């Protein structure tokens, strides 16, 4: 059973915004690298963004300048603010965690993440 619960997904028009949240009460996020991933219909799951324990973030080229990842260690929540949404952003969004104190997260493969949420649907359509 997943220790993470995502929320904030939904239906939004192109150009709109959503903020996804991923929360856990089962552990402290302090020592965890955190990531957001998505899977569009008929496509493989891909990385969207990640943030290291030091707060350094990385983004897929397709979302740079539009999405912002952040973490609140006190609340054990990781966020993904998504602006200027496009139909291509449609998919199921998953948060994931990996106990890892690396300074950066951009070279960590998604298969190395050990804890995953159940996913939340994001649909961008007019």
Foldseek 3Di string as FASTA:
>chain_A
DFQKAKDFADEAAQQAKIKIKIAGPPDQCLQKKKFKWWDDVPGDIDTAKIAASQGDMDGDPVQPPFWDWGDDRVRRMIMIIGGRDDQVPWGWMKMFIARHRDPDDPPPDPVRTDGMYPTDTHGYHD
